[in-house]
Amino acid sequence: MNNDPELSGRYLGTISRDFVLVADTIKEASYQVRVRNISKYPIFPISKTDIAIGKLLIGRKELALEWNYYISFLDEFVQRSLVSEDMVPEFEAAYKNPDEYCCLFVVDEEFTNFVFIPYPED
């Protein structure tokens, strides 16, 4: 549940470049999911191709990004068996403060994992 040590500079660089451009939108979406009591655990799947997890929030072509940004939450991950029910307490314990960190679910050919990335400071 921690940031994967295999998250190479290749991923970190492209994710960080994109994230700076979308962070405000994602932070607001995370806030809305939580304040509307949809979920305490918003998750933002990202992928360079179309995926069937969550709902598309920001398409990569919209802002000339490398990644598509989707919005989802823990319940969908449990329903899709991406997080097993017996691992929910561990996920919740590892989930970082959503006001400070974004929970990304990176989906790529060689890497699929949760990554917590801090929101840029104002």
C-alpha atoms as a PDB file:
ATOM      1  CA  MET A   1       0.000   0.000   0.000  1.00  0.00           C
ATOM      2  CA  ASN A   2       3.015   2.293   0.116  1.00  0.00           C
ATOM      3  CA  ASN A   3       4.507   4.070  -2.838  1.00  0.00           C
ATOM      4  CA  ASP A   4       6.152   1.332  -4.836  1.00  0.00           C
ATOM      5  CA  PRO A   5       9.954   1.536  -4.953  1.00  0.00           C
ATOM      6  CA  GLU A   6       9.633   0.413  -8.566  1.00  0.00           C
ATOM      7  CA  LEU A   7       8.091   3.775  -9.435  1.00  0.00           C
ATOM      8  CA  SER A   8      10.997   4.798 -11.595  1.00  0.00           C
ATOM      9  CA  GLY A   9      11.888   8.274 -12.689  1.00  0.00           C
ATOM     10  CA  ARG A  10      10.223   7.436 -15.972  1.00  0.00           C
ATOM     11  CA  TYR A  11       6.833   7.278 -14.278  1.00  0.00           C
ATOM     12  CA  LEU A  12       7.434   9.866 -11.618  1.00  0.00           C
ATOM     13  CA  GLY A  13       8.509  12.461 -14.166  1.00  0.00           C
ATOM     14  CA  THR A  14       5.523  12.098 -16.477  1.00  0.00           C
ATOM     15  CA  ILE A  15       3.063  11.822 -13.609  1.00  0.00           C
ATOM     16  CA  SER A  16       4.498  14.892 -11.871  1.00  0.00           C
ATOM     17  CA  ARG A  17       4.499  16.989 -15.059  1.00  0.00           C
ATOM     18  CA  ASP A  18       0.844  16.220 -15.688  1.00  0.00           C
ATOM     19  CA  PHE A  19      -0.191  16.390 -12.059  1.00  0.00           C
ATOM     20  CA  VAL A  20       0.890  20.010 -11.657  1.00  0.00           C
ATOM     21  CA  LEU A  21      -1.563  20.927 -14.435  1.00  0.00           C
ATOM     22  CA  VAL A  22      -4.537  18.997 -13.029  1.00  0.00           C
ATOM     23  CA  ALA A  23      -3.913  19.134  -9.262  1.00  0.00           C
ATOM     24  CA  ASP A  24      -6.425  21.903  -8.517  1.00  0.00           C
ATOM     25  CA  THR A  25      -9.206  20.122 -10.404  1.00  0.00           C
ATOM     26  CA  ILE A  26      -8.417  16.807  -8.753  1.00  0.00           C
ATOM     27  CA  LYS A  27      -8.170  18.345  -5.295  1.00  0.00           C
ATOM     28  CA  GLU A  28     -11.600  19.941  -5.733  1.00  0.00           C
ATOM     29  CA  ALA A  29     -13.062  16.660  -7.028  1.00  0.00           C
ATOM     30  CA  SER A  30     -11.611  14.839  -4.022  1.00  0.00           C
ATOM     31  CA  TYR A  31     -13.146  17.413  -1.705  1.00  0.00           C
ATOM     32  CA  GLN A  32     -16.558  17.096  -3.380  1.00  0.00           C
ATOM     33  CA  VAL A  33     -16.521  13.285  -3.113  1.00  0.00           C
ATOM     34  CA  ARG A  34     -15.782  13.566   0.602  1.00  0.00           C
ATOM     35  CA  VAL A  35     -18.081  16.486   1.500  1.00  0.00           C
ATOM     36  CA  ARG A  36     -21.022  14.839  -0.301  1.00  0.00           C
ATOM     37  CA  ASN A  37     -20.373  11.652   1.678  1.00  0.00           C
ATOM     38  CA  ILE A  38     -19.857   9.602  -1.479  1.00  0.00           C
ATOM     39  CA  SER A  39     -16.652   8.192  -0.025  1.00  0.00           C
ATOM     40  CA  LYS A  40     -13.919   9.023   2.471  1.00  0.00           C
ATOM     41  CA  TYR A  41     -11.458   7.458   0.033  1.00  0.00           C
ATOM     42  CA  PRO A  42     -11.432   9.061  -3.416  1.00  0.00           C
ATOM     43  CA  ILE A  43      -9.105   7.346  -5.868  1.00  0.00           C
ATOM     44  CA  PHE A  44      -7.944   8.768  -9.173  1.00  0.00           C
ATOM     45  CA  PRO A  45      -7.037   6.072 -11.703  1.00  0.00           C
ATOM     46  CA  ILE A  46      -4.698   7.313 -14.422  1.00  0.00           C
ATOM     47  CA  SER A  47      -3.802   5.646 -17.674  1.00  0.00           C
ATOM     48  CA  LYS A  48      -2.417   6.518 -21.075  1.00  0.00           C
ATOM     49  CA  THR A  49      -5.190   4.458 -22.671  1.00  0.00           C
ATOM     50  CA  ASP A  50      -8.912   4.190 -21.981  1.00  0.00           C
ATOM     51  CA  ILE A  51      -9.767   2.100 -18.927  1.00  0.00           C
ATOM     52  CA  ALA A  52     -13.035   0.946 -17.391  1.00  0.00           C
ATOM     53  CA  ILE A  53     -12.303   2.055 -13.836  1.00  0.00           C
ATOM     54  CA  GLY A  54     -14.134   5.118 -12.584  1.00  0.00           C
ATOM     55  CA  LYS A  55     -15.390   7.958 -14.708  1.00  0.00           C
ATOM     56  CA  LEU A  56     -13.198  10.079 -16.968  1.00  0.00           C
ATOM     57  CA  LEU A  57     -12.476  13.374 -15.236  1.00  0.00           C
ATOM     58  CA  ILE A  58      -9.781  14.881 -17.472  1.00  0.00           C
ATOM     59  CA  GLY A  59      -8.868  13.391 -20.831  1.00  0.00           C
ATOM     60  CA  ARG A  60      -5.247  13.618 -21.881  1.00  0.00           C
ATOM     61  CA  LYS A  61      -6.159  15.320 -25.156  1.00  0.00           C
ATOM     62  CA  GLU A  62      -8.076  18.070 -23.335  1.00  0.00           C
ATOM     63  CA  LEU A  63      -4.924  19.583 -21.849  1.00  0.00           C
ATOM     64  CA  ALA A  64      -2.187  17.918 -23.929  1.00  0.00           C
ATOM     65  CA  LEU A  65      -1.372  15.547 -21.060  1.00  0.00           C
ATOM     66  CA  GLU A  66       0.310  12.143 -21.103  1.00  0.00           C
ATOM     67  CA  TRP A  67      -2.298  10.573 -18.785  1.00  0.00           C
ATOM     68  CA  ASN A  68      -6.081  10.328 -18.645  1.00  0.00           C
ATOM     69  CA  TYR A  69      -7.429  11.089 -15.162  1.00  0.00           C
ATOM     70  CA  TYR A  70     -10.460   9.208 -13.879  1.00  0.00           C
ATOM     71  CA  ILE A  71     -12.358   9.570 -10.625  1.00  0.00           C
ATOM     72  CA  SER A  72     -13.389   6.659  -8.462  1.00  0.00           C
ATOM     73  CA  PHE A  73     -13.472   5.597  -4.828  1.00  0.00           C
ATOM     74  CA  LEU A  74     -12.703   2.654  -2.603  1.00  0.00           C
ATOM     75  CA  ASP A  75     -16.139   1.015  -2.936  1.00  0.00           C
ATOM     76  CA  GLU A  76     -15.730   0.604  -6.696  1.00  0.00           C
ATOM     77  CA  PHE A  77     -12.293  -0.933  -6.200  1.00  0.00           C
ATOM     78  CA  VAL A  78     -13.803  -3.441  -3.774  1.00  0.00           C
ATOM     79  CA  GLN A  79     -16.719  -4.182  -6.137  1.00  0.00           C
ATOM     80  CA  ARG A  80     -14.281  -4.810  -9.000  1.00  0.00           C
ATOM     81  CA  SER A  81     -12.064  -6.959  -6.733  1.00  0.00           C
ATOM     82  CA  LEU A  82      -9.115  -4.619  -7.220  1.00  0.00           C
ATOM     83  CA  VAL A  83      -9.004  -4.311  -3.431  1.00  0.00           C
ATOM     84  CA  SER A  84     -10.200  -7.391  -1.590  1.00  0.00           C
ATOM     85  CA  GLU A  85     -12.637  -6.855   1.251  1.00  0.00           C
ATOM     86  CA  ASP A  86     -10.189  -8.277   3.780  1.00  0.00           C
ATOM     87  CA  MET A  87      -7.617  -5.657   2.692  1.00  0.00           C
ATOM     88  CA  VAL A  88      -9.947  -2.666   3.188  1.00  0.00           C
ATOM     89  CA  PRO A  89      -8.719  -1.936   6.744  1.00  0.00           C
ATOM     90  CA  GLU A  90      -5.112  -1.981   5.517  1.00  0.00           C
ATOM     91  CA  PHE A  91      -6.020   0.315   2.607  1.00  0.00           C
ATOM     92  CA  GLU A  92      -7.807   2.724   4.951  1.00  0.00           C
ATOM     93  CA  ALA A  93      -4.839   2.747   7.342  1.00  0.00           C
ATOM     94  CA  ALA A  94      -2.389   3.467   4.522  1.00  0.00           C
ATOM     95  CA  TYR A  95      -4.565   6.129   2.862  1.00  0.00           C
ATOM     96  CA  LYS A  96      -2.927   9.517   3.313  1.00  0.00           C
ATOM     97  CA  ASN A  97      -4.657  12.768   4.253  1.00  0.00           C
ATOM     98  CA  PRO A  98      -6.743  13.595   1.152  1.00  0.00           C
ATOM     99  CA  ASP A  99      -6.376  17.331   1.760  1.00  0.00           C
ATOM    100  CA  GLU A 100      -2.620  16.964   1.282  1.00  0.00           C
ATOM    101  CA  TYR A 101      -2.197  13.890  -0.954  1.00  0.00           C
ATOM    102  CA  CYS A 102      -3.892  12.510  -4.018  1.00  0.00           C
ATOM    103  CA  CYS A 103      -4.383   8.758  -4.255  1.00  0.00           C
ATOM    104  CA  LEU A 104      -3.570   7.805  -7.831  1.00  0.00           C
ATOM    105  CA  PHE A 105      -4.060   4.335  -9.223  1.00  0.00           C
ATOM    106  CA  VAL A 106      -1.503   4.151 -12.028  1.00  0.00           C
ATOM    107  CA  VAL A 107      -2.416   1.714 -14.809  1.00  0.00           C
ATOM    108  CA  ASP A 108       0.247   1.139 -17.440  1.00  0.00           C
ATOM    109  CA  GLU A 109       1.633  -1.823 -19.368  1.00  0.00           C
ATOM    110  CA  GLU A 110       4.521  -2.450 -16.973  1.00  0.00           C
ATOM    111  CA  PHE A 111       3.259  -0.863 -13.766  1.00  0.00           C
ATOM    112  CA  THR A 112      -0.062  -0.922 -11.910  1.00  0.00           C
ATOM    113  CA  ASN A 113      -0.199   0.328  -8.347  1.00  0.00           C
ATOM    114  CA  PHE A 114      -1.462   2.957  -5.943  1.00  0.00           C
ATOM    115  CA  VAL A 115       0.700   6.062  -5.623  1.00  0.00           C
ATOM    116  CA  PHE A 116       0.177   8.920  -3.190  1.00  0.00           C
ATOM    117  CA  ILE A 117       1.371  12.216  -4.590  1.00  0.00           C
ATOM    118  CA  PRO A 118       1.322  15.468  -2.619  1.00  0.00           C
ATOM    119  CA  TYR A 119      -0.676  18.361  -3.977  1.00  0.00           C
ATOM    120  CA  PRO A 120       1.540  21.296  -4.952  1.00  0.00           C
ATOM    121  CA  GLU A 121       1.672  23.997  -2.298  1.00  0.00           C
ATOM    122  CA  ASP A 122       0.150  27.337  -3.255  1.00  0.00           C
END
